[in-house]
Amino acid sequence: MLSYFLRRMALVIPTFIGITILIFAITRFVPGGPVERMLANMQSQGDGAASMTTAGGSSALSEEQMAELNAFYGLDKPVFEAYTDWLGKLLVLDFGESTRYYEPVIEMIAERLPVSMFYGGMTFFISYFISIPLGYYKALKHGSVFDSGSSILLFIGYALPGYVVGVLLITLFSYHLEWFPMGGFVGEDFDDYETTYEQLKNVMWHAVLPLICYLIGDFATLTMTMKNNLMENLSSDYIRTAIAKGLPFRKAVRKHALRNSLIPIASHFGNSLLFFMTGSFLIEVIFNIDGVGLLGYESIMERDYPVVMGIVAINAAMLLVGNILSDICVALVDPRVKFGA
């Protein structure tokens, strides 16, 4: 097992470098950048010194001043040299400084991380602790009214993107019915609450609609995966043989079919790790949730490349670690899996 994990960890390094160098190169070659954004903001504010033509890209700033700005933002170096510098700083957990707020990127991400971890954790646990029993029950009640009705709802939820559902929920339950807030992680009067219970109630009240959007796609996938795999195992010869030998049906399901049905669920387990970090960009934008997803979206829009690269680096690392965790989970539920020497 040790040699297996050493091989997997050895693959993590080149994969991580490949992902980050690709994104780093894209940030350098896409139109616009921190210098152009700064000049455009100055122009929009009516600063004549920074006026520039859109067609030619000429600016009242001299070439020396433009060169100084590019050097200040680290844009004067070749892509590979700049990437090497960024990667060297990353090894000592230096994610650089935001070109928009001039704050350390690691502090900005750490400030938003608890919000994304809250939604990621809630999504993760609700998805697994409800979808597995629900899929189990649907398989046993296949063809019933409950199975058919719940399947229709699950397929509708799977077909609708989370951000589309978010717009519908805000329009209906927040704007028209005023049952839930329009967005945000907590209310404006959050600090005025005297007890922890009241603060927790406020957080959960704001979290109802976003959690529905987070859950709707993954929940449907996990539930139907659990149901279909359990039904496939129930029709297998080893289950029929166990029942023919006198083993009660319920016990045969729990002891034999259930464990085998969890294998595809376990392979998905590690990928869910990303929810703990970034959540969903569009859902956080729609509900104005001040998490890592919203930070990433704003950074892309504002060409704040150090923040973008910091979030990409964390996502890539979490995804690669999640794949290894998925292998571990599959090995735990599938006795046929053996790690090579």
C-alpha atoms as a PDB file:
ATOM      1  CA  MET A   1       0.000   0.000   0.000  1.00  0.00           C
ATOM      2  CA  LEU A   2       2.843   2.388   0.817  1.00  0.00           C
ATOM      3  CA  SER A   3       4.392   1.980  -2.612  1.00  0.00           C
ATOM      4  CA  TYR A   4       1.001   2.606  -4.232  1.00  0.00           C
ATOM      5  CA  PHE A   5       0.543   5.904  -2.456  1.00  0.00           C
ATOM      6  CA  LEU A   6       4.111   6.934  -3.196  1.00  0.00           C
ATOM      7  CA  ARG A   7       3.441   6.362  -6.893  1.00  0.00           C
ATOM      8  CA  ARG A   8       0.217   8.337  -6.726  1.00  0.00           C
ATOM      9  CA  MET A   9       1.881  11.201  -4.889  1.00  0.00           C
ATOM     10  CA  ALA A  10       4.656  11.204  -7.489  1.00  0.00           C
ATOM     11  CA  LEU A  11       1.985  11.709 -10.165  1.00  0.00           C
ATOM     12  CA  VAL A  12       0.401  14.553  -8.207  1.00  0.00           C
ATOM     13  CA  ILE A  13       3.408  16.832  -8.697  1.00  0.00           C
ATOM     14  CA  PRO A  14       3.582  16.850 -12.528  1.00  0.00           C
ATOM     15  CA  THR A  15      -0.208  16.982 -12.775  1.00  0.00           C
ATOM     16  CA  PHE A  16      -0.328  19.987 -10.454  1.00  0.00           C
ATOM     17  CA  ILE A  17       2.416  21.722 -12.431  1.00  0.00           C
ATOM     18  CA  GLY A  18       0.627  21.007 -15.708  1.00  0.00           C
ATOM     19  CA  ILE A  19      -2.677  22.447 -14.464  1.00  0.00           C
ATOM     20  CA  THR A  20      -1.180  25.573 -12.939  1.00  0.00           C
ATOM     21  CA  ILE A  21       1.179  26.364 -15.818  1.00  0.00           C
ATOM     22  CA  LEU A  22      -1.731  26.121 -18.268  1.00  0.00           C
ATOM     23  CA  ILE A  23      -3.900  28.519 -16.247  1.00  0.00           C
ATOM     24  CA  PHE A  24      -0.918  30.816 -15.640  1.00  0.00           C
ATOM     25  CA  ALA A  25      -0.238  31.022 -19.377  1.00  0.00           C
ATOM     26  CA  ILE A  26      -3.902  31.750 -20.101  1.00  0.00           C
ATOM     27  CA  THR A  27      -3.903  34.653 -17.650  1.00  0.00           C
ATOM     28  CA  ARG A  28      -0.957  36.160 -19.525  1.00  0.00           C
ATOM     29  CA  PHE A  29      -2.371  35.830 -23.034  1.00  0.00           C
ATOM     30  CA  VAL A  30      -6.015  36.829 -22.519  1.00  0.00           C
ATOM     31  CA  PRO A  31      -6.859  40.446 -23.406  1.00  0.00           C
ATOM     32  CA  GLY A  32      -6.680  42.938 -20.582  1.00  0.00           C
ATOM     33  CA  GLY A  33      -4.773  42.819 -17.347  1.00  0.00           C
ATOM     34  CA  PRO A  34      -4.197  44.739 -14.121  1.00  0.00           C
ATOM     35  CA  VAL A  35      -2.520  47.668 -15.904  1.00  0.00           C
ATOM     36  CA  GLU A  36      -5.281  47.986 -18.494  1.00  0.00           C
ATOM     37  CA  ARG A  37      -7.914  47.655 -15.772  1.00  0.00           C
ATOM     38  CA  MET A  38      -6.298  50.418 -13.730  1.00  0.00           C
ATOM     39  CA  LEU A  39      -6.108  52.743 -16.723  1.00  0.00           C
ATOM     40  CA  ALA A  40      -9.698  51.961 -17.699  1.00  0.00           C
ATOM     41  CA  ASN A  41     -10.887  52.763 -14.167  1.00  0.00           C
ATOM     42  CA  MET A  42      -9.010  56.042 -14.219  1.00  0.00           C
ATOM     43  CA  GLN A  43     -10.527  56.888 -17.600  1.00  0.00           C
ATOM     44  CA  SER A  44     -14.049  56.079 -16.385  1.00  0.00           C
ATOM     45  CA  GLN A  45     -13.484  58.416 -13.440  1.00  0.00           C
ATOM     46  CA  GLY A  46     -12.659  61.230 -15.852  1.00  0.00           C
ATOM     47  CA  ASP A  47      -8.903  61.330 -15.244  1.00  0.00           C
ATOM     48  CA  GLY A  48      -7.547  63.007 -18.369  1.00  0.00           C
ATOM     49  CA  ALA A  49      -4.011  61.855 -17.657  1.00  0.00           C
ATOM     50  CA  ALA A  50      -5.046  58.265 -18.096  1.00  0.00           C
ATOM     51  CA  SER A  51      -7.266  58.675 -21.157  1.00  0.00           C
ATOM     52  CA  MET A  52      -6.550  56.191 -23.876  1.00  0.00           C
ATOM     53  CA  THR A  53      -8.028  55.250 -27.214  1.00  0.00           C
ATOM     54  CA  THR A  54      -9.841  51.965 -27.455  1.00  0.00           C
ATOM     55  CA  ALA A  55      -8.757  51.139 -30.968  1.00  0.00           C
ATOM     56  CA  GLY A  56      -5.041  51.820 -30.780  1.00  0.00           C
ATOM     57  CA  GLY A  57      -4.571  51.226 -27.082  1.00  0.00           C
ATOM     58  CA  SER A  58      -2.447  54.399 -26.846  1.00  0.00           C
ATOM     59  CA  SER A  59      -2.182  56.105 -23.480  1.00  0.00           C
ATOM     60  CA  ALA A  60      -1.069  59.443 -22.137  1.00  0.00           C
ATOM     61  CA  LEU A  61       1.360  57.527 -19.933  1.00  0.00           C
ATOM     62  CA  SER A  62       4.863  57.315 -21.322  1.00  0.00           C
ATOM     63  CA  GLU A  63       6.496  54.052 -22.303  1.00  0.00           C
ATOM     64  CA  GLU A  64       8.738  54.285 -19.239  1.00  0.00           C
ATOM     65  CA  GLN A  65       5.712  54.645 -16.960  1.00  0.00           C
ATOM     66  CA  MET A  66       3.981  51.693 -18.620  1.00  0.00           C
ATOM     67  CA  ALA A  67       7.160  49.632 -18.235  1.00  0.00           C
ATOM     68  CA  GLU A  68       7.318  50.517 -14.539  1.00  0.00           C
ATOM     69  CA  LEU A  69       3.699  49.470 -14.065  1.00  0.00           C
ATOM     70  CA  ASN A  70       4.284  46.168 -15.855  1.00  0.00           C
ATOM     71  CA  ALA A  71       7.375  45.562 -13.736  1.00  0.00           C
ATOM     72  CA  PHE A  72       5.421  46.402 -10.580  1.00  0.00           C
ATOM     73  CA  TYR A  73       2.786  43.793 -11.437  1.00  0.00           C
ATOM     74  CA  GLY A  74       5.414  41.297 -12.623  1.00  0.00           C
ATOM     75  CA  LEU A  75       4.195  41.360 -16.218  1.00  0.00           C
ATOM     76  CA  ASP A  76       7.556  42.254 -17.746  1.00  0.00           C
ATOM     77  CA  LYS A  77       8.975  38.730 -17.470  1.00  0.00           C
ATOM     78  CA  PRO A  78       8.526  35.831 -19.899  1.00  0.00           C
ATOM     79  CA  VAL A  79       5.733  33.436 -19.000  1.00  0.00           C
ATOM     80  CA  PHE A  80       7.964  30.552 -17.937  1.00  0.00           C
ATOM     81  CA  GLU A  81      10.220  32.762 -15.805  1.00  0.00           C
ATOM     82  CA  ALA A  82       7.236  34.421 -14.155  1.00  0.00           C
ATOM     83  CA  TYR A  83       5.647  31.017 -13.510  1.00  0.00           C
ATOM     84  CA  THR A  84       8.857  29.708 -11.964  1.00  0.00           C
ATOM     85  CA  ASP A  85       8.952  32.696  -9.609  1.00  0.00           C
ATOM     86  CA  TRP A  86       5.297  32.165  -8.669  1.00  0.00           C
ATOM     87  CA  LEU A  87       5.826  28.437  -8.067  1.00  0.00           C
ATOM     88  CA  GLY A  88       8.879  29.123  -5.904  1.00  0.00           C
ATOM     89  CA  LYS A  89       6.849  31.456  -3.707  1.00  0.00           C
ATOM     90  CA  LEU A  90       4.011  28.943  -3.589  1.00  0.00           C
ATOM     91  CA  LEU A  91       6.324  26.355  -2.034  1.00  0.00           C
ATOM     92  CA  VAL A  92       6.647  28.604   1.025  1.00  0.00           C
ATOM     93  CA  LEU A  93       2.871  29.333   0.978  1.00  0.00           C
ATOM     94  CA  ASP A  94       3.363  32.805  -0.482  1.00  0.00           C
ATOM     95  CA  PHE A  95       0.423  33.251  -2.874  1.00  0.00           C
ATOM     96  CA  GLY A  96       1.435  36.775  -3.779  1.00  0.00           C
ATOM     97  CA  GLU A  97      -0.467  40.024  -3.402  1.00  0.00           C
ATOM     98  CA  SER A  98      -3.790  41.034  -4.927  1.00  0.00           C
ATOM     99  CA  THR A  99      -3.445  43.576  -7.744  1.00  0.00           C
ATOM    100  CA  ARG A 100      -6.859  44.948  -6.853  1.00  0.00           C
ATOM    101  CA  TYR A 101      -6.820  45.254  -3.067  1.00  0.00           C
ATOM    102  CA  TYR A 102      -3.036  45.049  -2.495  1.00  0.00           C
ATOM    103  CA  GLU A 103      -3.567  42.490   0.250  1.00  0.00           C
ATOM    104  CA  PRO A 104      -1.917  39.065   0.633  1.00  0.00           C
ATOM    105  CA  VAL A 105      -3.861  36.493  -1.377  1.00  0.00           C
ATOM    106  CA  ILE A 106      -3.599  33.862   1.352  1.00  0.00           C
ATOM    107  CA  GLU A 107      -5.281  36.210   3.837  1.00  0.00           C
ATOM    108  CA  MET A 108      -8.088  37.023   1.403  1.00  0.00           C
ATOM    109  CA  ILE A 109      -8.780  33.340   0.785  1.00  0.00           C
ATOM    110  CA  ALA A 110      -8.544  32.485   4.484  1.00  0.00           C
ATOM    111  CA  GLU A 111     -11.069  35.229   5.264  1.00  0.00           C
ATOM    112  CA  ARG A 112     -13.611  33.795   2.828  1.00  0.00           C
ATOM    113  CA  LEU A 113     -12.850  30.128   3.502  1.00  0.00           C
ATOM    114  CA  PRO A 114     -15.150  29.564   6.533  1.00  0.00           C
ATOM    115  CA  VAL A 115     -18.189  30.631   4.501  1.00  0.00           C
ATOM    116  CA  SER A 116     -17.418  28.242   1.638  1.00  0.00           C
ATOM    117  CA  MET A 117     -16.552  25.454   4.075  1.00  0.00           C
ATOM    118  CA  PHE A 118     -19.912  25.897   5.790  1.00  0.00           C
ATOM    119  CA  TYR A 119     -21.843  25.452   2.553  1.00  0.00           C
ATOM    120  CA  GLY A 120     -19.471  22.767   1.317  1.00  0.00           C
ATOM    121  CA  GLY A 121     -19.780  20.763   4.531  1.00  0.00           C
ATOM    122  CA  MET A 122     -23.565  21.089   4.642  1.00  0.00           C
ATOM    123  CA  THR A 123     -23.853  20.071   0.991  1.00  0.00           C
ATOM    124  CA  PHE A 124     -21.542  17.121   1.472  1.00  0.00           C
ATOM    125  CA  PHE A 125     -23.211  15.662   4.539  1.00  0.00           C
ATOM    126  CA  ILE A 126     -26.798  16.267   3.440  1.00  0.00           C
ATOM    127  CA  SER A 127     -26.095  14.753   0.010  1.00  0.00           C
ATOM    128  CA  TYR A 128     -24.562  11.558   1.363  1.00  0.00           C
ATOM    129  CA  PHE A 129     -26.674  11.044   4.467  1.00  0.00           C
ATOM    130  CA  ILE A 130     -29.955  11.514   2.615  1.00  0.00           C
ATOM    131  CA  SER A 131     -29.237  10.311  -0.921  1.00  0.00           C
ATOM    132  CA  ILE A 132     -27.885   6.895   0.165  1.00  0.00           C
ATOM    133  CA  PRO A 133     -30.897   5.948   2.353  1.00  0.00           C
ATOM    134  CA  LEU A 134     -33.264   7.446  -0.234  1.00  0.00           C
ATOM    135  CA  GLY A 135     -31.674   5.467  -3.064  1.00  0.00           C
ATOM    136  CA  TYR A 136     -31.793   2.345  -0.886  1.00  0.00           C
ATOM    137  CA  TYR A 137     -35.506   2.821  -0.175  1.00  0.00           C
ATOM    138  CA  LYS A 138     -36.322   3.637  -3.822  1.00  0.00           C
ATOM    139  CA  ALA A 139     -34.627   0.421  -4.952  1.00  0.00           C
ATOM    140  CA  LEU A 140     -36.676  -1.651  -2.511  1.00  0.00           C
ATOM    141  CA  LYS A 141     -39.877   0.165  -3.546  1.00  0.00           C
ATOM    142  CA  HIS A 142     -39.109   0.201  -7.270  1.00  0.00           C
ATOM    143  CA  GLY A 143     -42.206   0.905  -9.348  1.00  0.00           C
ATOM    144  CA  SER A 144     -44.229   2.286  -6.439  1.00  0.00           C
ATOM    145  CA  VAL A 145     -45.910   5.680  -6.390  1.00  0.00           C
ATOM    146  CA  PHE A 146     -43.194   7.000  -4.084  1.00  0.00           C
ATOM    147  CA  ASP A 147     -40.429   5.795  -6.401  1.00  0.00           C
ATOM    148  CA  SER A 148     -42.037   7.266  -9.514  1.00  0.00           C
ATOM    149  CA  GLY A 149     -42.902  10.590  -7.888  1.00  0.00           C
ATOM    150  CA  SER A 150     -39.497  11.081  -6.314  1.00  0.00           C
ATOM    151  CA  SER A 151     -37.766  10.120  -9.574  1.00  0.00           C
ATOM    152  CA  ILE A 152     -39.683  12.807 -11.459  1.00  0.00           C
ATOM    153  CA  LEU A 153     -38.608  15.422  -8.913  1.00  0.00           C
ATOM    154  CA  LEU A 154     -35.003  14.208  -9.017  1.00  0.00           C
ATOM    155  CA  PHE A 155     -34.848  14.317 -12.822  1.00  0.00           C
ATOM    156  CA  ILE A 156     -36.321  17.820 -12.881  1.00  0.00           C
ATOM    157  CA  GLY A 157     -33.751  18.917 -10.316  1.00  0.00           C
ATOM    158  CA  TYR A 158     -30.933  17.298 -12.255  1.00  0.00           C
ATOM    159  CA  ALA A 159     -32.016  18.960 -15.508  1.00  0.00           C
ATOM    160  CA  LEU A 160     -32.080  22.466 -14.030  1.00  0.00           C
ATOM    161  CA  PRO A 161     -28.716  24.138 -13.326  1.00  0.00           C
ATOM    162  CA  GLY A 162     -28.261  25.311  -9.745  1.00  0.00           C
ATOM    163  CA  TYR A 163     -27.957  28.978 -10.695  1.00  0.00           C
ATOM    164  CA  VAL A 164     -31.235  28.835 -12.658  1.00  0.00           C
ATOM    165  CA  VAL A 165     -32.982  27.326  -9.639  1.00  0.00           C
ATOM    166  CA  GLY A 166     -31.397  30.076  -7.524  1.00  0.00           C
ATOM    167  CA  VAL A 167     -32.954  32.813  -9.654  1.00  0.00           C
ATOM    168  CA  LEU A 168     -36.357  31.110  -9.471  1.00  0.00           C
ATOM    169  CA  LEU A 169     -36.144  30.655  -5.695  1.00  0.00           C
ATOM    170  CA  ILE A 170     -35.114  34.263  -5.092  1.00  0.00           C
ATOM    171  CA  THR A 171     -37.887  35.558  -7.343  1.00  0.00           C
ATOM    172  CA  LEU A 172     -40.592  33.443  -5.727  1.00  0.00           C
ATOM    173  CA  PHE A 173     -39.654  32.993  -2.080  1.00  0.00           C
ATOM    174  CA  SER A 174     -37.604  36.141  -1.463  1.00  0.00           C
ATOM    175  CA  TYR A 175     -39.082  38.817  -3.701  1.00  0.00           C
ATOM    176  CA  HIS A 176     -42.759  37.865  -3.971  1.00  0.00           C
ATOM    177  CA  LEU A 177     -43.465  35.873  -0.802  1.00  0.00           C
ATOM    178  CA  GLU A 178     -40.679  37.444   1.321  1.00  0.00           C
ATOM    179  CA  TRP A 179     -40.189  34.206   3.240  1.00  0.00           C
ATOM    180  CA  PHE A 180     -36.401  34.235   2.924  1.00  0.00           C
ATOM    181  CA  PRO A 181     -33.750  36.953   2.558  1.00  0.00           C
ATOM    182  CA  MET A 182     -32.564  38.017  -0.891  1.00  0.00           C
ATOM    183  CA  GLY A 183     -29.019  36.838  -0.211  1.00  0.00           C
ATOM    184  CA  GLY A 184     -25.964  37.156   1.961  1.00  0.00           C
ATOM    185  CA  PHE A 185     -24.454  34.795   4.486  1.00  0.00           C
ATOM    186  CA  VAL A 186     -25.968  36.563   7.517  1.00  0.00           C
ATOM    187  CA  GLY A 187     -28.329  39.474   8.082  1.00  0.00           C
ATOM    188  CA  GLU A 188     -27.253  43.051   8.685  1.00  0.00           C
ATOM    189  CA  ASP A 189     -28.374  42.788  12.320  1.00  0.00           C
ATOM    190  CA  PHE A 190     -26.379  39.588  12.938  1.00  0.00           C
ATOM    191  CA  ASP A 191     -24.104  41.219  15.536  1.00  0.00           C
ATOM    192  CA  ASP A 192     -27.105  42.504  17.470  1.00  0.00           C
ATOM    193  CA  TYR A 193     -28.237  39.010  18.437  1.00  0.00           C
ATOM    194  CA  GLU A 194     -27.394  38.205  22.038  1.00  0.00           C
ATOM    195  CA  THR A 195     -27.379  34.389  21.951  1.00  0.00           C
ATOM    196  CA  THR A 196     -25.562  31.867  19.788  1.00  0.00           C
ATOM    197  CA  TYR A 197     -28.873  30.168  19.033  1.00  0.00           C
ATOM    198  CA  GLU A 198     -30.288  33.333  17.473  1.00  0.00           C
ATOM    199  CA  GLN A 199     -27.128  33.818  15.394  1.00  0.00           C
ATOM    200  CA  LEU A 200     -27.213  30.200  14.226  1.00  0.00           C
ATOM    201  CA  LYS A 201     -30.888  30.558  13.357  1.00  0.00           C
ATOM    202  CA  ASN A 202     -30.064  33.644  11.277  1.00  0.00           C
ATOM    203  CA  VAL A 203     -27.291  31.794   9.425  1.00  0.00           C
ATOM    204  CA  MET A 204     -29.531  28.811   8.662  1.00  0.00           C
ATOM    205  CA  TRP A 205     -32.375  31.102   7.554  1.00  0.00           C
ATOM    206  CA  HIS A 206     -30.056  32.666   4.983  1.00  0.00           C
ATOM    207  CA  ALA A 207     -28.694  29.243   3.988  1.00  0.00           C
ATOM    208  CA  VAL A 208     -31.966  27.519   3.032  1.00  0.00           C
ATOM    209  CA  LEU A 209     -32.236  28.707  -0.570  1.00  0.00           C
ATOM    210  CA  PRO A 210     -28.507  28.476  -1.440  1.00  0.00           C
ATOM    211  CA  LEU A 211     -28.320  24.949  -0.010  1.00  0.00           C
ATOM    212  CA  ILE A 212     -31.189  23.850  -2.246  1.00  0.00           C
ATOM    213  CA  CYS A 213     -29.198  25.071  -5.251  1.00  0.00           C
ATOM    214  CA  TYR A 214     -26.021  23.375  -4.051  1.00  0.00           C
ATOM    215  CA  LEU A 215     -27.792  20.080  -3.384  1.00  0.00           C
ATOM    216  CA  ILE A 216     -30.080  19.777  -6.349  1.00  0.00           C
ATOM    217  CA  GLY A 217     -27.650  18.371  -8.922  1.00  0.00           C
ATOM    218  CA  ASP A 218     -25.333  16.249  -6.792  1.00  0.00           C
ATOM    219  CA  PHE A 219     -28.186  14.933  -4.676  1.00  0.00           C
ATOM    220  CA  ALA A 220     -30.072  13.630  -7.720  1.00  0.00           C
ATOM    221  CA  THR A 221     -26.941  11.989  -9.140  1.00  0.00           C
ATOM    222  CA  LEU A 222     -26.040  10.222  -5.910  1.00  0.00           C
ATOM    223  CA  THR A 223     -29.598   9.043  -5.251  1.00  0.00           C
ATOM    224  CA  MET A 224     -30.131   7.549  -8.695  1.00  0.00           C
ATOM    225  CA  THR A 225     -26.642   6.033  -8.711  1.00  0.00           C
ATOM    226  CA  MET A 226     -27.370   4.344  -5.391  1.00  0.00           C
ATOM    227  CA  LYS A 227     -30.757   3.073  -6.549  1.00  0.00           C
ATOM    228  CA  ASN A 228     -29.589   1.753  -9.925  1.00  0.00           C
ATOM    229  CA  ASN A 229     -26.544  -0.020  -8.518  1.00  0.00           C
ATOM    230  CA  LEU A 230     -28.537  -1.591  -5.701  1.00  0.00           C
ATOM    231  CA  MET A 231     -31.155  -2.855  -8.156  1.00  0.00           C
ATOM    232  CA  GLU A 232     -28.411  -4.295 -10.350  1.00  0.00           C
ATOM    233  CA  ASN A 233     -26.903  -6.121  -7.385  1.00  0.00           C
ATOM    234  CA  LEU A 234     -30.314  -7.389  -6.242  1.00  0.00           C
ATOM    235  CA  SER A 235     -30.732  -9.110  -9.603  1.00  0.00           C
ATOM    236  CA  SER A 236     -27.302 -10.761  -9.390  1.00  0.00           C
ATOM    237  CA  ASP A 237     -26.843 -14.496  -8.936  1.00  0.00           C
ATOM    238  CA  TYR A 238     -25.089 -14.238  -5.577  1.00  0.00           C
ATOM    239  CA  ILE A 239     -28.087 -12.474  -4.012  1.00  0.00           C
ATOM    240  CA  ARG A 240     -30.529 -15.027  -5.405  1.00  0.00           C
ATOM    241  CA  THR A 241     -28.273 -17.812  -4.127  1.00  0.00           C
ATOM    242  CA  ALA A 242     -28.089 -16.266  -0.652  1.00  0.00           C
ATOM    243  CA  ILE A 243     -31.876 -15.959  -0.505  1.00  0.00           C
ATOM    244  CA  ALA A 244     -32.322 -19.512  -1.810  1.00  0.00           C
ATOM    245  CA  LYS A 245     -30.123 -20.781   1.030  1.00  0.00           C
ATOM    246  CA  GLY A 246     -32.513 -19.231   3.544  1.00  0.00           C
ATOM    247  CA  LEU A 247     -30.990 -15.817   4.187  1.00  0.00           C
ATOM    248  CA  PRO A 248     -33.793 -13.258   4.751  1.00  0.00           C
ATOM    249  CA  PHE A 249     -34.179 -10.771   1.910  1.00  0.00           C
ATOM    250  CA  ARG A 250     -33.550  -7.665   4.062  1.00  0.00           C
ATOM    251  CA  LYS A 251     -30.431  -9.217   5.554  1.00  0.00           C
ATOM    252  CA  ALA A 252     -29.157 -10.253   2.118  1.00  0.00           C
ATOM    253  CA  VAL A 253     -29.584  -6.667   0.947  1.00  0.00           C
ATOM    254  CA  ARG A 254     -27.841  -5.118   3.939  1.00  0.00           C
ATOM    255  CA  LYS A 255     -25.048  -7.686   4.229  1.00  0.00           C
ATOM    256  CA  HIS A 256     -24.185  -8.283   0.568  1.00  0.00           C
ATOM    257  CA  ALA A 257     -25.886  -6.005  -1.991  1.00  0.00           C
ATOM    258  CA  LEU A 258     -25.566  -2.743  -0.081  1.00  0.00           C
ATOM    259  CA  ARG A 259     -21.792  -2.831   0.241  1.00  0.00           C
ATOM    260  CA  ASN A 260     -21.268  -3.554  -3.452  1.00  0.00           C
ATOM    261  CA  SER A 261     -23.699  -0.779  -4.340  1.00  0.00           C
ATOM    262  CA  LEU A 262     -21.614   1.736  -2.407  1.00  0.00           C
ATOM    263  CA  ILE A 263     -18.582   1.315  -4.691  1.00  0.00           C
ATOM    264  CA  PRO A 264     -19.634   3.955  -7.290  1.00  0.00           C
ATOM    265  CA  ILE A 265     -20.643   6.280  -4.441  1.00  0.00           C
ATOM    266  CA  ALA A 266     -17.225   5.848  -2.854  1.00  0.00           C
ATOM    267  CA  SER A 267     -15.477   6.710  -6.121  1.00  0.00           C
ATOM    268  CA  HIS A 268     -17.328  10.036  -6.085  1.00  0.00           C
ATOM    269  CA  PHE A 269     -16.426  10.740  -2.456  1.00  0.00           C
ATOM    270  CA  GLY A 270     -13.052  12.391  -3.014  1.00  0.00           C
ATOM    271  CA  ASN A 271     -14.278  14.700  -5.769  1.00  0.00           C
ATOM    272  CA  SER A 272     -16.788  16.172  -3.332  1.00  0.00           C
ATOM    273  CA  LEU A 273     -13.825  17.566  -1.413  1.00  0.00           C
ATOM    274  CA  LEU A 274     -13.846  20.596  -3.711  1.00  0.00           C
ATOM    275  CA  PHE A 275     -17.171  21.710  -2.218  1.00  0.00           C
ATOM    276  CA  PHE A 276     -15.393  22.298   1.076  1.00  0.00           C
ATOM    277  CA  MET A 277     -13.191  24.904  -0.589  1.00  0.00           C
ATOM    278  CA  THR A 278     -14.839  26.735  -3.434  1.00  0.00           C
ATOM    279  CA  GLY A 279     -18.524  25.889  -3.562  1.00  0.00           C
ATOM    280  CA  SER A 280     -20.051  27.296  -6.727  1.00  0.00           C
ATOM    281  CA  PHE A 281     -19.046  30.560  -8.381  1.00  0.00           C
ATOM    282  CA  LEU A 282     -22.455  31.345  -9.867  1.00  0.00           C
ATOM    283  CA  ILE A 283     -24.512  30.368  -6.811  1.00  0.00           C
ATOM    284  CA  GLU A 284     -22.392  32.581  -4.562  1.00  0.00           C
ATOM    285  CA  VAL A 285     -22.738  35.415  -7.071  1.00  0.00           C
ATOM    286  CA  ILE A 286     -26.525  35.056  -7.297  1.00  0.00           C
ATOM    287  CA  PHE A 287     -27.003  34.947  -3.519  1.00  0.00           C
ATOM    288  CA  ASN A 288     -24.178  37.418  -2.832  1.00  0.00           C
ATOM    289  CA  ILE A 289     -22.452  34.954  -0.494  1.00  0.00           C
ATOM    290  CA  ASP A 290     -19.049  36.288   0.447  1.00  0.00           C
ATOM    291  CA  GLY A 291     -17.153  33.040  -0.044  1.00  0.00           C
ATOM    292  CA  VAL A 292     -14.223  31.798  -2.088  1.00  0.00           C
ATOM    293  CA  GLY A 293     -16.454  31.269  -5.135  1.00  0.00           C
ATOM    294  CA  LEU A 294     -17.525  34.916  -5.216  1.00  0.00           C
ATOM    295  CA  LEU A 295     -13.931  35.980  -4.632  1.00  0.00           C
ATOM    296  CA  GLY A 296     -12.828  33.889  -7.613  1.00  0.00           C
ATOM    297  CA  TYR A 297     -15.558  35.308  -9.839  1.00  0.00           C
ATOM    298  CA  GLU A 298     -14.715  38.900  -8.922  1.00  0.00           C
ATOM    299  CA  SER A 299     -11.007  38.205  -9.421  1.00  0.00           C
ATOM    300  CA  ILE A 300     -11.611  36.868 -12.931  1.00  0.00           C
ATOM    301  CA  MET A 301     -13.779  39.842 -13.828  1.00  0.00           C
ATOM    302  CA  GLU A 302     -11.238  42.315 -12.438  1.00  0.00           C
ATOM    303  CA  ARG A 303      -8.189  40.475 -13.868  1.00  0.00           C
ATOM    304  CA  ASP A 304      -6.802  39.993 -10.363  1.00  0.00           C
ATOM    305  CA  TYR A 305      -4.525  37.186 -11.498  1.00  0.00           C
ATOM    306  CA  PRO A 306      -2.664  36.472  -8.231  1.00  0.00           C
ATOM    307  CA  VAL A 307      -5.993  35.698  -6.547  1.00  0.00           C
ATOM    308  CA  VAL A 308      -7.121  33.606  -9.520  1.00  0.00           C
ATOM    309  CA  MET A 309      -3.904  31.587  -9.435  1.00  0.00           C
ATOM    310  CA  GLY A 310      -4.134  31.151  -5.676  1.00  0.00           C
ATOM    311  CA  ILE A 311      -7.642  29.702  -5.932  1.00  0.00           C
ATOM    312  CA  VAL A 312      -6.663  27.528  -8.907  1.00  0.00           C
ATOM    313  CA  ALA A 313      -3.664  26.162  -6.998  1.00  0.00           C
ATOM    314  CA  ILE A 314      -5.813  25.234  -4.005  1.00  0.00           C
ATOM    315  CA  ASN A 315      -8.502  23.675  -6.221  1.00  0.00           C
ATOM    316  CA  ALA A 316      -5.945  21.630  -8.151  1.00  0.00           C
ATOM    317  CA  ALA A 317      -4.348  20.346  -4.946  1.00  0.00           C
ATOM    318  CA  MET A 318      -7.729  19.466  -3.421  1.00  0.00           C
ATOM    319  CA  LEU A 319      -8.847  17.673  -6.586  1.00  0.00           C
ATOM    320  CA  LEU A 320      -5.690  15.578  -6.749  1.00  0.00           C
ATOM    321  CA  VAL A 321      -5.894  14.700  -3.061  1.00  0.00           C
ATOM    322  CA  GLY A 322      -9.586  13.934  -3.512  1.00  0.00           C
ATOM    323  CA  ASN A 323      -8.807  11.397  -6.235  1.00  0.00           C
ATOM    324  CA  ILE A 324      -6.486   9.557  -3.866  1.00  0.00           C
ATOM    325  CA  LEU A 325      -9.149   9.617  -1.145  1.00  0.00           C
ATOM    326  CA  SER A 326     -11.621   8.161  -3.640  1.00  0.00           C
ATOM    327  CA  ASP A 327      -9.254   5.248  -4.230  1.00  0.00           C
ATOM    328  CA  ILE A 328      -9.023   4.673  -0.482  1.00  0.00           C
ATOM    329  CA  CYS A 329     -12.806   4.724  -0.108  1.00  0.00           C
ATOM    330  CA  VAL A 330     -13.245   2.266  -2.983  1.00  0.00           C
ATOM    331  CA  ALA A 331     -10.704  -0.064  -1.388  1.00  0.00           C
ATOM    332  CA  LEU A 332     -12.585   0.090   1.921  1.00  0.00           C
ATOM    333  CA  VAL A 333     -15.926  -0.942   0.433  1.00  0.00           C
ATOM    334  CA  ASP A 334     -14.665  -3.265  -2.312  1.00  0.00           C
ATOM    335  CA  PRO A 335     -12.682  -6.257  -0.974  1.00  0.00           C
ATOM    336  CA  ARG A 336     -11.610  -7.123  -4.539  1.00  0.00           C
ATOM    337  CA  VAL A 337      -9.411  -4.012  -4.693  1.00  0.00           C
ATOM    338  CA  LYS A 338      -5.842  -4.697  -3.639  1.00  0.00           C
ATOM    339  CA  PHE A 339      -3.053  -2.152  -3.733  1.00  0.00           C
ATOM    340  CA  GLY A 340      -0.147  -3.390  -5.767  1.00  0.00           C
ATOM    341  CA  ALA A 341       3.246  -3.862  -4.206  1.00  0.00           C
END
